[in-house]
Amino acid sequence: MMIAITIAILVIACLTLFLYWTYAPTSKAPRLLSQISKEVLMTGAQKRTYLKYIPLGLSNRKVPLVIVLHGSGINGAKIRAWTGFEFDQMADKYGFAVAYPDGYKHNWNDLRKNAPFPAKKENIDDVGFIKSIIESYRLAHNIDPQQIYAFGYSNGGMMALRLAISEPGLLAGIATVGSNLPTPENLTDSLQAPMPPVLMVNGTADPIIPYEGGNVKFFGKDLGKVISALATAETFAESHKGPKTTQTVSLPHLHPRDLTTAEQKIWLMGQQKLVALYTIHGGGHVVPQALTKFPRLMGKVNRDFSAPREAVDFWDLNRV
């Protein structure tokens, strides 16, 4: 009897700890001007899916498209929530379209050689999938092919980097959260052309992507090595030939209970912003924004700024 009680107590304790570290309720979507829709398209012989958000009343002018790429283990719907539904809200306000693609078996064939995900092992044509989405939007919604932007979190950030590096000219700008460049031996595509403008967000206490570089671990899986966040930003800046300057500022600390602080470093060529690195001191593997809660095991969320809103501002899309 005592053994059974002891086992029951241990099970309850383990379940409580598991829920404490992993449970995070999904936030409710705010009221929007249009409806999100689930779309299907064929990429080769594969059926792929994505969420589409098209604001009502888009003008006859060509409009930008923002592609939001989720991390491994989740999907387009989850990254829509984990970015606080802010891309949809800004699309309503500023007049751009949004796509939330679903990765193959919840992951992407990104620019790492050693990623042990199905998309990598099966060499899924995710570049072709994203290009097919862009073409579909261009034909149906008057999207400007010169104004395609990608926001990627974790594995999705690595996928955004692959799109920018392997397909020069495809993207007008990218933003990554929790994504550093792999070390040379772990890199599938080498950086040849200048990068489009890049905004990076990295936490110094990220439990998955080490801020200072090193081995990437995900639930016991070895995902190879990455260079540091600062070295990644410098690599992107140096892809542009010519004299550059940097500016570093600390962001205002808005919430006394927030144990993290944010610092911004920008690389400039004249007035042109090449790279912006947001370092979240004490921050985890999360997307800074005000609405969504993340599992505690992912680390602390900074509330001093919104990564989606900073990306839209960095890309100069916040024009009414």
C-alpha atoms as a PDB file:
ATOM      1  CA  MET A   1       0.000   0.000   0.000  1.00  0.00           C
ATOM      2  CA  MET A   2       2.755   2.424   0.982  1.00  0.00           C
ATOM      3  CA  ILE A   3       4.622   1.660  -2.239  1.00  0.00           C
ATOM      4  CA  ALA A   4       1.541   2.491  -4.310  1.00  0.00           C
ATOM      5  CA  ILE A   5       1.041   5.762  -2.401  1.00  0.00           C
ATOM      6  CA  THR A   6       4.696   6.681  -2.862  1.00  0.00           C
ATOM      7  CA  ILE A   7       4.511   5.993  -6.599  1.00  0.00           C
ATOM      8  CA  ALA A   8       1.315   8.048  -6.876  1.00  0.00           C
ATOM      9  CA  ILE A   9       2.960  10.963  -5.056  1.00  0.00           C
ATOM     10  CA  LEU A  10       6.000  10.777  -7.330  1.00  0.00           C
ATOM     11  CA  VAL A  11       3.803  10.686 -10.440  1.00  0.00           C
ATOM     12  CA  ILE A  12       1.807  13.699  -9.254  1.00  0.00           C
ATOM     13  CA  ALA A  13       5.005  15.580  -8.381  1.00  0.00           C
ATOM     14  CA  CYS A  14       6.572  14.828 -11.778  1.00  0.00           C
ATOM     15  CA  LEU A  15       3.369  15.815 -13.585  1.00  0.00           C
ATOM     16  CA  THR A  16       3.189  19.059 -11.590  1.00  0.00           C
ATOM     17  CA  LEU A  17       6.789  19.910 -12.426  1.00  0.00           C
ATOM     18  CA  PHE A  18       6.233  19.041 -16.076  1.00  0.00           C
ATOM     19  CA  LEU A  19       3.172  21.282 -16.304  1.00  0.00           C
ATOM     20  CA  TYR A  20       4.935  24.074 -14.413  1.00  0.00           C
ATOM     21  CA  TRP A  21       7.809  24.130 -16.894  1.00  0.00           C
ATOM     22  CA  THR A  22       5.932  23.371 -20.109  1.00  0.00           C
ATOM     23  CA  TYR A  23       2.352  24.638 -19.854  1.00  0.00           C
ATOM     24  CA  ALA A  24       1.551  27.975 -21.440  1.00  0.00           C
ATOM     25  CA  PRO A  25      -2.067  28.755 -22.403  1.00  0.00           C
ATOM     26  CA  THR A  26      -2.634  29.976 -25.935  1.00  0.00           C
ATOM     27  CA  SER A  27      -3.680  33.605 -26.032  1.00  0.00           C
ATOM     28  CA  LYS A  28      -7.000  34.524 -27.620  1.00  0.00           C
ATOM     29  CA  ALA A  29      -6.774  36.223 -30.994  1.00  0.00           C
ATOM     30  CA  PRO A  30      -7.831  39.886 -30.933  1.00  0.00           C
ATOM     31  CA  ARG A  31     -10.616  41.301 -33.066  1.00  0.00           C
ATOM     32  CA  LEU A  32      -9.351  41.735 -36.630  1.00  0.00           C
ATOM     33  CA  LEU A  33     -10.771  43.326 -39.756  1.00  0.00           C
ATOM     34  CA  SER A  34     -10.522  40.129 -41.813  1.00  0.00           C
ATOM     35  CA  GLN A  35     -10.464  36.344 -41.339  1.00  0.00           C
ATOM     36  CA  ILE A  36      -7.503  33.988 -41.217  1.00  0.00           C
ATOM     37  CA  SER A  37      -7.783  31.120 -43.723  1.00  0.00           C
ATOM     38  CA  LYS A  38      -6.113  27.736 -44.106  1.00  0.00           C
ATOM     39  CA  GLU A  39      -4.642  27.242 -47.587  1.00  0.00           C
ATOM     40  CA  VAL A  40      -3.233  24.224 -49.418  1.00  0.00           C
ATOM     41  CA  LEU A  41      -0.814  24.146 -52.322  1.00  0.00           C
ATOM     42  CA  MET A  42       1.249  21.489 -54.034  1.00  0.00           C
ATOM     43  CA  THR A  43       5.030  21.703 -54.056  1.00  0.00           C
ATOM     44  CA  GLY A  44       6.097  18.970 -56.432  1.00  0.00           C
ATOM     45  CA  ALA A  45       4.211  15.906 -55.258  1.00  0.00           C
ATOM     46  CA  GLN A  46       3.760  17.203 -51.722  1.00  0.00           C
ATOM     47  CA  LYS A  47       0.672  18.843 -50.284  1.00  0.00           C
ATOM     48  CA  ARG A  48       1.723  21.794 -48.121  1.00  0.00           C
ATOM     49  CA  THR A  49      -0.360  24.097 -45.948  1.00  0.00           C
ATOM     50  CA  TYR A  50      -0.193  27.642 -44.615  1.00  0.00           C
ATOM     51  CA  LEU A  51      -2.343  30.244 -42.915  1.00  0.00           C
ATOM     52  CA  LYS A  52      -3.183  33.350 -44.930  1.00  0.00           C
ATOM     53  CA  TYR A  53      -4.160  36.766 -43.623  1.00  0.00           C
ATOM     54  CA  ILE A  54      -5.279  39.360 -46.156  1.00  0.00           C
ATOM     55  CA  PRO A  55      -6.644  42.617 -44.695  1.00  0.00           C
ATOM     56  CA  LEU A  56      -9.839  44.022 -46.098  1.00  0.00           C
ATOM     57  CA  GLY A  57      -9.578  46.900 -48.504  1.00  0.00           C
ATOM     58  CA  LEU A  58      -6.037  46.485 -49.770  1.00  0.00           C
ATOM     59  CA  SER A  59      -5.456  49.217 -52.311  1.00  0.00           C
ATOM     60  CA  ASN A  60      -4.722  48.685 -55.980  1.00  0.00           C
ATOM     61  CA  ARG A  61      -1.066  49.428 -55.372  1.00  0.00           C
ATOM     62  CA  LYS A  62       1.334  46.549 -54.966  1.00  0.00           C
ATOM     63  CA  VAL A  63       1.627  45.607 -51.303  1.00  0.00           C
ATOM     64  CA  PRO A  64       4.284  43.900 -49.152  1.00  0.00           C
ATOM     65  CA  LEU A  65       4.137  40.301 -47.923  1.00  0.00           C
ATOM     66  CA  VAL A  66       5.446  39.197 -44.514  1.00  0.00           C
ATOM     67  CA  ILE A  67       6.170  35.470 -44.153  1.00  0.00           C
ATOM     68  CA  VAL A  68       6.300  34.261 -40.529  1.00  0.00           C
ATOM     69  CA  LEU A  69       8.271  31.025 -40.031  1.00  0.00           C
ATOM     70  CA  HIS A  70       7.720  28.926 -36.914  1.00  0.00           C
ATOM     71  CA  GLY A  71      10.263  27.025 -34.844  1.00  0.00           C
ATOM     72  CA  SER A  72      10.670  23.248 -34.736  1.00  0.00           C
ATOM     73  CA  GLY A  73       7.922  21.287 -33.028  1.00  0.00           C
ATOM     74  CA  ILE A  74       5.182  23.852 -33.647  1.00  0.00           C
ATOM     75  CA  ASN A  75       3.292  25.190 -36.683  1.00  0.00           C
ATOM     76  CA  GLY A  76       2.016  28.349 -38.344  1.00  0.00           C
ATOM     77  CA  ALA A  77      -0.918  28.702 -35.962  1.00  0.00           C
ATOM     78  CA  LYS A  78       1.348  28.538 -32.916  1.00  0.00           C
ATOM     79  CA  ILE A  79       3.856  31.127 -34.163  1.00  0.00           C
ATOM     80  CA  ARG A  80       0.909  33.363 -35.026  1.00  0.00           C
ATOM     81  CA  ALA A  81      -0.022  33.212 -31.332  1.00  0.00           C
ATOM     82  CA  TRP A  82       3.599  33.377 -30.119  1.00  0.00           C
ATOM     83  CA  THR A  83       4.061  36.643 -32.005  1.00  0.00           C
ATOM     84  CA  GLY A  84       1.031  38.010 -30.161  1.00  0.00           C
ATOM     85  CA  PHE A  85      -1.101  38.129 -33.354  1.00  0.00           C
ATOM     86  CA  GLU A  86       0.693  41.421 -33.922  1.00  0.00           C
ATOM     87  CA  PHE A  87       1.493  40.820 -37.584  1.00  0.00           C
ATOM     88  CA  ASP A  88      -2.231  40.529 -38.338  1.00  0.00           C
ATOM     89  CA  GLN A  89      -2.993  43.689 -36.381  1.00  0.00           C
ATOM     90  CA  MET A  90      -0.254  45.613 -38.167  1.00  0.00           C
ATOM     91  CA  ALA A  91      -1.404  44.225 -41.513  1.00  0.00           C
ATOM     92  CA  ASP A  92      -4.821  45.759 -40.819  1.00  0.00           C
ATOM     93  CA  LYS A  93      -3.232  49.086 -39.925  1.00  0.00           C
ATOM     94  CA  TYR A  94      -0.470  49.367 -42.518  1.00  0.00           C
ATOM     95  CA  GLY A  95      -1.843  47.368 -45.427  1.00  0.00           C
ATOM     96  CA  PHE A  96       0.346  44.321 -46.035  1.00  0.00           C
ATOM     97  CA  ALA A  97      -0.351  40.602 -46.390  1.00  0.00           C
ATOM     98  CA  VAL A  98       0.828  37.851 -44.035  1.00  0.00           C
ATOM     99  CA  ALA A  99       1.584  34.135 -44.482  1.00  0.00           C
ATOM    100  CA  TYR A 100       2.198  31.554 -41.754  1.00  0.00           C
ATOM    101  CA  PRO A 101       3.572  28.439 -43.504  1.00  0.00           C
ATOM    102  CA  ASP A 102       3.552  25.007 -41.852  1.00  0.00           C
ATOM    103  CA  GLY A 103       6.873  23.196 -41.871  1.00  0.00           C
ATOM    104  CA  TYR A 104       7.198  19.563 -42.957  1.00  0.00           C
ATOM    105  CA  LYS A 105       6.383  17.485 -39.867  1.00  0.00           C
ATOM    106  CA  HIS A 106       6.711  20.690 -37.821  1.00  0.00           C
ATOM    107  CA  ASN A 107      10.219  21.640 -38.930  1.00  0.00           C
ATOM    108  CA  TRP A 108      12.220  23.235 -41.747  1.00  0.00           C
ATOM    109  CA  ASN A 109      15.076  22.172 -44.011  1.00  0.00           C
ATOM    110  CA  ASP A 110      17.207  25.097 -42.885  1.00  0.00           C
ATOM    111  CA  LEU A 111      20.852  25.976 -43.556  1.00  0.00           C
ATOM    112  CA  ARG A 112      22.335  23.585 -40.962  1.00  0.00           C
ATOM    113  CA  LYS A 113      23.920  20.371 -42.199  1.00  0.00           C
ATOM    114  CA  ASN A 114      23.458  18.549 -38.901  1.00  0.00           C
ATOM    115  CA  ALA A 115      19.835  19.306 -38.022  1.00  0.00           C
ATOM    116  CA  PRO A 116      18.255  15.885 -37.266  1.00  0.00           C
ATOM    117  CA  PHE A 117      14.769  16.900 -38.387  1.00  0.00           C
ATOM    118  CA  PRO A 118      12.653  15.034 -40.997  1.00  0.00           C
ATOM    119  CA  ALA A 119      12.720  18.039 -43.341  1.00  0.00           C
ATOM    120  CA  LYS A 120      16.525  17.915 -43.391  1.00  0.00           C
ATOM    121  CA  LYS A 121      16.830  14.127 -43.526  1.00  0.00           C
ATOM    122  CA  GLU A 122      14.363  13.903 -46.420  1.00  0.00           C
ATOM    123  CA  ASN A 123      15.769  17.034 -48.085  1.00  0.00           C
ATOM    124  CA  ILE A 124      12.351  18.660 -48.350  1.00  0.00           C
ATOM    125  CA  ASP A 125      12.232  21.527 -50.842  1.00  0.00           C
ATOM    126  CA  ASP A 126      11.223  24.226 -48.369  1.00  0.00           C
ATOM    127  CA  VAL A 127      12.816  26.952 -50.471  1.00  0.00           C
ATOM    128  CA  GLY A 128      10.530  25.904 -53.329  1.00  0.00           C
ATOM    129  CA  PHE A 129       7.550  25.840 -50.943  1.00  0.00           C
ATOM    130  CA  ILE A 130       8.144  29.428 -49.795  1.00  0.00           C
ATOM    131  CA  LYS A 131       8.679  30.596 -53.375  1.00  0.00           C
ATOM    132  CA  SER A 132       5.380  28.936 -54.338  1.00  0.00           C
ATOM    133  CA  ILE A 133       3.585  30.840 -51.577  1.00  0.00           C
ATOM    134  CA  ILE A 134       5.095  34.096 -52.822  1.00  0.00           C
ATOM    135  CA  GLU A 135       3.970  33.359 -56.378  1.00  0.00           C
ATOM    136  CA  SER A 136       0.464  32.459 -55.194  1.00  0.00           C
ATOM    137  CA  TYR A 137       0.161  35.770 -53.336  1.00  0.00           C
ATOM    138  CA  ARG A 138       1.570  37.667 -56.296  1.00  0.00           C
ATOM    139  CA  LEU A 139      -1.043  36.258 -58.641  1.00  0.00           C
ATOM    140  CA  ALA A 140      -4.012  36.507 -56.272  1.00  0.00           C
ATOM    141  CA  HIS A 141      -3.303  39.615 -54.178  1.00  0.00           C
ATOM    142  CA  ASN A 142      -1.075  41.986 -56.170  1.00  0.00           C
ATOM    143  CA  ILE A 143       1.940  41.364 -53.936  1.00  0.00           C
ATOM    144  CA  ASP A 144       5.057  43.324 -54.803  1.00  0.00           C
ATOM    145  CA  PRO A 145       7.879  40.798 -55.442  1.00  0.00           C
ATOM    146  CA  GLN A 146      10.359  43.480 -54.356  1.00  0.00           C
ATOM    147  CA  GLN A 147       8.747  43.703 -50.911  1.00  0.00           C
ATOM    148  CA  ILE A 148       8.915  40.169 -49.515  1.00  0.00           C
ATOM    149  CA  TYR A 149       9.996  39.909 -45.873  1.00  0.00           C
ATOM    150  CA  ALA A 150      10.593  36.926 -43.587  1.00  0.00           C
ATOM    151  CA  PHE A 151      10.321  36.780 -39.792  1.00  0.00           C
ATOM    152  CA  GLY A 152      11.664  33.523 -38.364  1.00  0.00           C
ATOM    153  CA  TYR A 153      11.824  32.067 -34.864  1.00  0.00           C
ATOM    154  CA  SER A 154      14.437  29.427 -33.956  1.00  0.00           C
ATOM    155  CA  ASN A 155      14.390  26.778 -36.739  1.00  0.00           C
ATOM    156  CA  GLY A 156      12.246  29.265 -38.698  1.00  0.00           C
ATOM    157  CA  GLY A 157      14.931  31.909 -38.245  1.00  0.00           C
ATOM    158  CA  MET A 158      17.474  29.489 -39.664  1.00  0.00           C
ATOM    159  CA  MET A 159      15.105  28.928 -42.581  1.00  0.00           C
ATOM    160  CA  ALA A 160      14.823  32.690 -43.137  1.00  0.00           C
ATOM    161  CA  LEU A 161      18.616  32.855 -43.241  1.00  0.00           C
ATOM    162  CA  ARG A 162      18.706  30.057 -45.818  1.00  0.00           C
ATOM    163  CA  LEU A 163      16.211  31.908 -48.008  1.00  0.00           C
ATOM    164  CA  ALA A 164      18.289  35.097 -47.825  1.00  0.00           C
ATOM    165  CA  ILE A 165      21.622  33.380 -48.457  1.00  0.00           C
ATOM    166  CA  SER A 166      20.656  30.761 -51.048  1.00  0.00           C
ATOM    167  CA  GLU A 167      18.241  32.984 -52.996  1.00  0.00           C
ATOM    168  CA  PRO A 168      19.840  36.466 -53.214  1.00  0.00           C
ATOM    169  CA  GLY A 169      17.262  39.084 -54.101  1.00  0.00           C
ATOM    170  CA  LEU A 170      14.269  37.006 -52.997  1.00  0.00           C
ATOM    171  CA  LEU A 171      13.799  38.849 -49.700  1.00  0.00           C
ATOM    172  CA  ALA A 172      13.858  42.585 -49.051  1.00  0.00           C
ATOM    173  CA  GLY A 173      14.540  42.035 -45.352  1.00  0.00           C
ATOM    174  CA  ILE A 174      14.522  39.406 -42.612  1.00  0.00           C
ATOM    175  CA  ALA A 175      14.180  39.222 -38.851  1.00  0.00           C
ATOM    176  CA  THR A 176      15.303  36.319 -36.690  1.00  0.00           C
ATOM    177  CA  VAL A 177      14.650  35.409 -33.060  1.00  0.00           C
ATOM    178  CA  GLY A 178      16.889  32.841 -31.367  1.00  0.00           C
ATOM    179  CA  SER A 179      18.881  32.029 -34.518  1.00  0.00           C
ATOM    180  CA  ASN A 180      22.650  32.321 -35.038  1.00  0.00           C
ATOM    181  CA  LEU A 181      24.666  31.373 -38.095  1.00  0.00           C
ATOM    182  CA  PRO A 182      26.024  27.805 -37.994  1.00  0.00           C
ATOM    183  CA  THR A 183      29.779  27.303 -37.874  1.00  0.00           C
ATOM    184  CA  PRO A 184      31.353  26.776 -41.338  1.00  0.00           C
ATOM    185  CA  GLU A 185      31.438  22.966 -41.100  1.00  0.00           C
ATOM    186  CA  ASN A 186      27.716  22.969 -40.211  1.00  0.00           C
ATOM    187  CA  LEU A 187      26.621  25.406 -42.940  1.00  0.00           C
ATOM    188  CA  THR A 188      24.886  24.256 -46.138  1.00  0.00           C
ATOM    189  CA  ASP A 189      24.989  27.579 -48.026  1.00  0.00           C
ATOM    190  CA  SER A 190      27.870  30.042 -48.013  1.00  0.00           C
ATOM    191  CA  LEU A 191      27.250  33.776 -47.884  1.00  0.00           C
ATOM    192  CA  GLN A 192      28.269  35.263 -51.230  1.00  0.00           C
ATOM    193  CA  ALA A 193      26.000  38.248 -51.946  1.00  0.00           C
ATOM    194  CA  PRO A 194      25.244  41.093 -49.512  1.00  0.00           C
ATOM    195  CA  MET A 195      22.492  40.216 -47.060  1.00  0.00           C
ATOM    196  CA  PRO A 196      19.216  42.118 -47.088  1.00  0.00           C
ATOM    197  CA  PRO A 197      18.644  44.213 -43.939  1.00  0.00           C
ATOM    198  CA  VAL A 198      18.631  41.862 -40.929  1.00  0.00           C
ATOM    199  CA  LEU A 199      17.103  42.357 -37.491  1.00  0.00           C
ATOM    200  CA  MET A 200      18.231  39.845 -34.858  1.00  0.00           C
ATOM    201  CA  VAL A 201      16.870  39.147 -31.366  1.00  0.00           C
ATOM    202  CA  ASN A 202      18.954  36.945 -29.080  1.00  0.00           C
ATOM    203  CA  GLY A 203      18.786  36.177 -25.349  1.00  0.00           C
ATOM    204  CA  THR A 204      21.930  35.759 -23.278  1.00  0.00           C
ATOM    205  CA  ALA A 205      20.193  32.993 -21.287  1.00  0.00           C
ATOM    206  CA  ASP A 206      18.784  31.157 -24.313  1.00  0.00           C
ATOM    207  CA  PRO A 207      18.724  27.454 -23.298  1.00  0.00           C
ATOM    208  CA  ILE A 208      18.836  26.222 -26.924  1.00  0.00           C
ATOM    209  CA  ILE A 209      20.825  28.662 -29.092  1.00  0.00           C
ATOM    210  CA  PRO A 210      23.871  29.770 -27.045  1.00  0.00           C
ATOM    211  CA  TYR A 211      24.297  33.536 -27.284  1.00  0.00           C
ATOM    212  CA  GLU A 212      28.083  33.214 -27.243  1.00  0.00           C
ATOM    213  CA  GLY A 213      28.059  30.354 -29.744  1.00  0.00           C
ATOM    214  CA  GLY A 214      28.725  26.634 -29.298  1.00  0.00           C
ATOM    215  CA  ASN A 215      26.660  23.445 -29.381  1.00  0.00           C
ATOM    216  CA  VAL A 216      22.916  23.677 -29.974  1.00  0.00           C
ATOM    217  CA  LYS A 217      20.880  21.205 -27.929  1.00  0.00           C
ATOM    218  CA  PHE A 218      17.163  20.516 -28.299  1.00  0.00           C
ATOM    219  CA  PHE A 219      15.635  17.934 -25.925  1.00  0.00           C
ATOM    220  CA  GLY A 220      18.809  15.866 -26.038  1.00  0.00           C
ATOM    221  CA  LYS A 221      19.326  16.204 -29.799  1.00  0.00           C
ATOM    222  CA  ASP A 222      22.635  17.611 -31.016  1.00  0.00           C
ATOM    223  CA  LEU A 223      21.942  20.207 -33.719  1.00  0.00           C
ATOM    224  CA  GLY A 224      25.560  21.124 -34.406  1.00  0.00           C
ATOM    225  CA  LYS A 225      27.424  24.312 -33.572  1.00  0.00           C
ATOM    226  CA  VAL A 226      26.668  27.975 -34.166  1.00  0.00           C
ATOM    227  CA  ILE A 227      28.793  31.101 -33.945  1.00  0.00           C
ATOM    228  CA  SER A 228      27.877  33.844 -31.479  1.00  0.00           C
ATOM    229  CA  ALA A 229      25.057  36.330 -31.989  1.00  0.00           C
ATOM    230  CA  LEU A 230      27.540  39.195 -32.249  1.00  0.00           C
ATOM    231  CA  ALA A 231      29.706  37.325 -34.778  1.00  0.00           C
ATOM    232  CA  THR A 232      26.555  36.535 -36.790  1.00  0.00           C
ATOM    233  CA  ALA A 233      25.559  40.207 -36.892  1.00  0.00           C
ATOM    234  CA  GLU A 234      29.098  41.242 -37.841  1.00  0.00           C
ATOM    235  CA  THR A 235      29.165  38.670 -40.646  1.00  0.00           C
ATOM    236  CA  PHE A 236      25.959  40.091 -42.095  1.00  0.00           C
ATOM    237  CA  ALA A 237      27.275  43.647 -41.809  1.00  0.00           C
ATOM    238  CA  GLU A 238      30.583  42.724 -43.459  1.00  0.00           C
ATOM    239  CA  SER A 239      28.736  41.222 -46.440  1.00  0.00           C
ATOM    240  CA  HIS A 240      28.275  44.877 -47.447  1.00  0.00           C
ATOM    241  CA  LYS A 241      31.544  46.345 -48.695  1.00  0.00           C
ATOM    242  CA  GLY A 242      32.373  49.832 -47.526  1.00  0.00           C
ATOM    243  CA  PRO A 243      32.787  51.889 -44.342  1.00  0.00           C
ATOM    244  CA  LYS A 244      30.297  51.217 -41.568  1.00  0.00           C
ATOM    245  CA  THR A 245      29.436  52.724 -38.206  1.00  0.00           C
ATOM    246  CA  THR A 246      27.687  51.251 -35.169  1.00  0.00           C
ATOM    247  CA  GLN A 247      25.318  52.672 -32.583  1.00  0.00           C
ATOM    248  CA  THR A 248      24.492  51.003 -29.261  1.00  0.00           C
ATOM    249  CA  VAL A 249      21.648  52.042 -26.949  1.00  0.00           C
ATOM    250  CA  SER A 250      19.894  50.517 -23.955  1.00  0.00           C
ATOM    251  CA  LEU A 251      16.127  50.288 -24.323  1.00  0.00           C
ATOM    252  CA  PRO A 252      13.986  51.850 -21.576  1.00  0.00           C
ATOM    253  CA  HIS A 253      13.132  49.332 -18.861  1.00  0.00           C
ATOM    254  CA  LEU A 254       9.340  49.537 -18.734  1.00  0.00           C
ATOM    255  CA  HIS A 255       8.337  46.804 -16.281  1.00  0.00           C
ATOM    256  CA  PRO A 256       9.997  46.632 -12.833  1.00  0.00           C
ATOM    257  CA  ARG A 257       9.093  42.942 -12.438  1.00  0.00           C
ATOM    258  CA  ASP A 258      10.770  42.086 -15.736  1.00  0.00           C
ATOM    259  CA  LEU A 259      14.155  40.604 -14.809  1.00  0.00           C
ATOM    260  CA  THR A 260      15.508  41.067 -18.334  1.00  0.00           C
ATOM    261  CA  THR A 261      16.855  44.173 -20.051  1.00  0.00           C
ATOM    262  CA  ALA A 262      17.286  44.945 -23.742  1.00  0.00           C
ATOM    263  CA  GLU A 263      20.132  46.548 -25.680  1.00  0.00           C
ATOM    264  CA  GLN A 264      20.152  47.480 -29.362  1.00  0.00           C
ATOM    265  CA  LYS A 265      23.232  47.633 -31.588  1.00  0.00           C
ATOM    266  CA  ILE A 266      22.853  48.859 -35.173  1.00  0.00           C
ATOM    267  CA  TRP A 267      25.330  48.641 -38.058  1.00  0.00           C
ATOM    268  CA  LEU A 268      24.935  51.498 -40.545  1.00  0.00           C
ATOM    269  CA  MET A 269      26.323  52.380 -43.926  1.00  0.00           C
ATOM    270  CA  GLY A 270      25.596  56.080 -44.168  1.00  0.00           C
ATOM    271  CA  GLN A 271      21.898  56.280 -43.207  1.00  0.00           C
ATOM    272  CA  GLN A 272      21.137  52.724 -44.347  1.00  0.00           C
ATOM    273  CA  LYS A 273      20.455  50.203 -41.574  1.00  0.00           C
ATOM    274  CA  LEU A 274      22.272  46.971 -42.412  1.00  0.00           C
ATOM    275  CA  VAL A 275      21.883  44.955 -39.205  1.00  0.00           C
ATOM    276  CA  ALA A 276      20.173  45.510 -35.858  1.00  0.00           C
ATOM    277  CA  LEU A 277      21.032  43.153 -32.973  1.00  0.00           C
ATOM    278  CA  TYR A 278      18.747  43.211 -29.941  1.00  0.00           C
ATOM    279  CA  THR A 279      20.520  41.562 -27.024  1.00  0.00           C
ATOM    280  CA  ILE A 280      18.149  40.499 -24.259  1.00  0.00           C
ATOM    281  CA  HIS A 281      20.205  40.245 -21.077  1.00  0.00           C
ATOM    282  CA  GLY A 282      18.733  37.335 -19.141  1.00  0.00           C
ATOM    283  CA  GLY A 283      16.322  36.547 -21.982  1.00  0.00           C
ATOM    284  CA  GLY A 284      15.464  33.062 -23.177  1.00  0.00           C
ATOM    285  CA  HIS A 285      14.445  31.298 -26.390  1.00  0.00           C
ATOM    286  CA  VAL A 286      11.297  33.374 -26.780  1.00  0.00           C
ATOM    287  CA  VAL A 287       9.742  36.170 -28.854  1.00  0.00           C
ATOM    288  CA  PRO A 288       9.656  39.487 -26.980  1.00  0.00           C
ATOM    289  CA  GLN A 289       6.105  40.888 -27.025  1.00  0.00           C
ATOM    290  CA  ALA A 290       3.448  41.854 -24.517  1.00  0.00           C
ATOM    291  CA  LEU A 291       0.643  39.301 -24.966  1.00  0.00           C
ATOM    292  CA  THR A 292       1.809  35.701 -25.135  1.00  0.00           C
ATOM    293  CA  LYS A 293       3.240  33.566 -22.351  1.00  0.00           C
ATOM    294  CA  PHE A 294       5.879  30.964 -23.200  1.00  0.00           C
ATOM    295  CA  PRO A 295       6.686  27.686 -21.427  1.00  0.00           C
ATOM    296  CA  ARG A 296       8.971  28.459 -18.484  1.00  0.00           C
ATOM    297  CA  LEU A 297      11.611  26.048 -19.755  1.00  0.00           C
ATOM    298  CA  MET A 298      12.137  28.385 -22.742  1.00  0.00           C
ATOM    299  CA  GLY A 299      13.395  31.146 -20.469  1.00  0.00           C
ATOM    300  CA  LYS A 300      12.332  34.685 -19.633  1.00  0.00           C
ATOM    301  CA  VAL A 301      10.386  36.975 -21.990  1.00  0.00           C
ATOM    302  CA  ASN A 302      11.390  40.624 -22.304  1.00  0.00           C
ATOM    303  CA  ARG A 303       8.438  43.052 -22.310  1.00  0.00           C
ATOM    304  CA  ASP A 304      10.358  46.254 -23.091  1.00  0.00           C
ATOM    305  CA  PHE A 305       9.698  45.982 -26.810  1.00  0.00           C
ATOM    306  CA  SER A 306       7.830  43.897 -29.382  1.00  0.00           C
ATOM    307  CA  ALA A 307       9.986  41.924 -31.834  1.00  0.00           C
ATOM    308  CA  PRO A 308       7.230  41.823 -34.504  1.00  0.00           C
ATOM    309  CA  ARG A 309       6.690  45.586 -34.263  1.00  0.00           C
ATOM    310  CA  GLU A 310      10.413  46.329 -34.302  1.00  0.00           C
ATOM    311  CA  ALA A 311      10.748  44.165 -37.425  1.00  0.00           C
ATOM    312  CA  VAL A 312       7.963  46.024 -39.237  1.00  0.00           C
ATOM    313  CA  ASP A 313       9.535  49.333 -38.219  1.00  0.00           C
ATOM    314  CA  PHE A 314      13.004  48.141 -39.303  1.00  0.00           C
ATOM    315  CA  TRP A 315      11.603  47.168 -42.713  1.00  0.00           C
ATOM    316  CA  ASP A 316       9.864  50.558 -42.944  1.00  0.00           C
ATOM    317  CA  LEU A 317       6.427  48.978 -43.385  1.00  0.00           C
ATOM    318  CA  ASN A 318       4.759  51.053 -40.680  1.00  0.00           C
ATOM    319  CA  ARG A 319       3.360  53.627 -43.065  1.00  0.00           C
ATOM    320  CA  VAL A 320      -0.378  54.299 -43.132  1.00  0.00           C
END
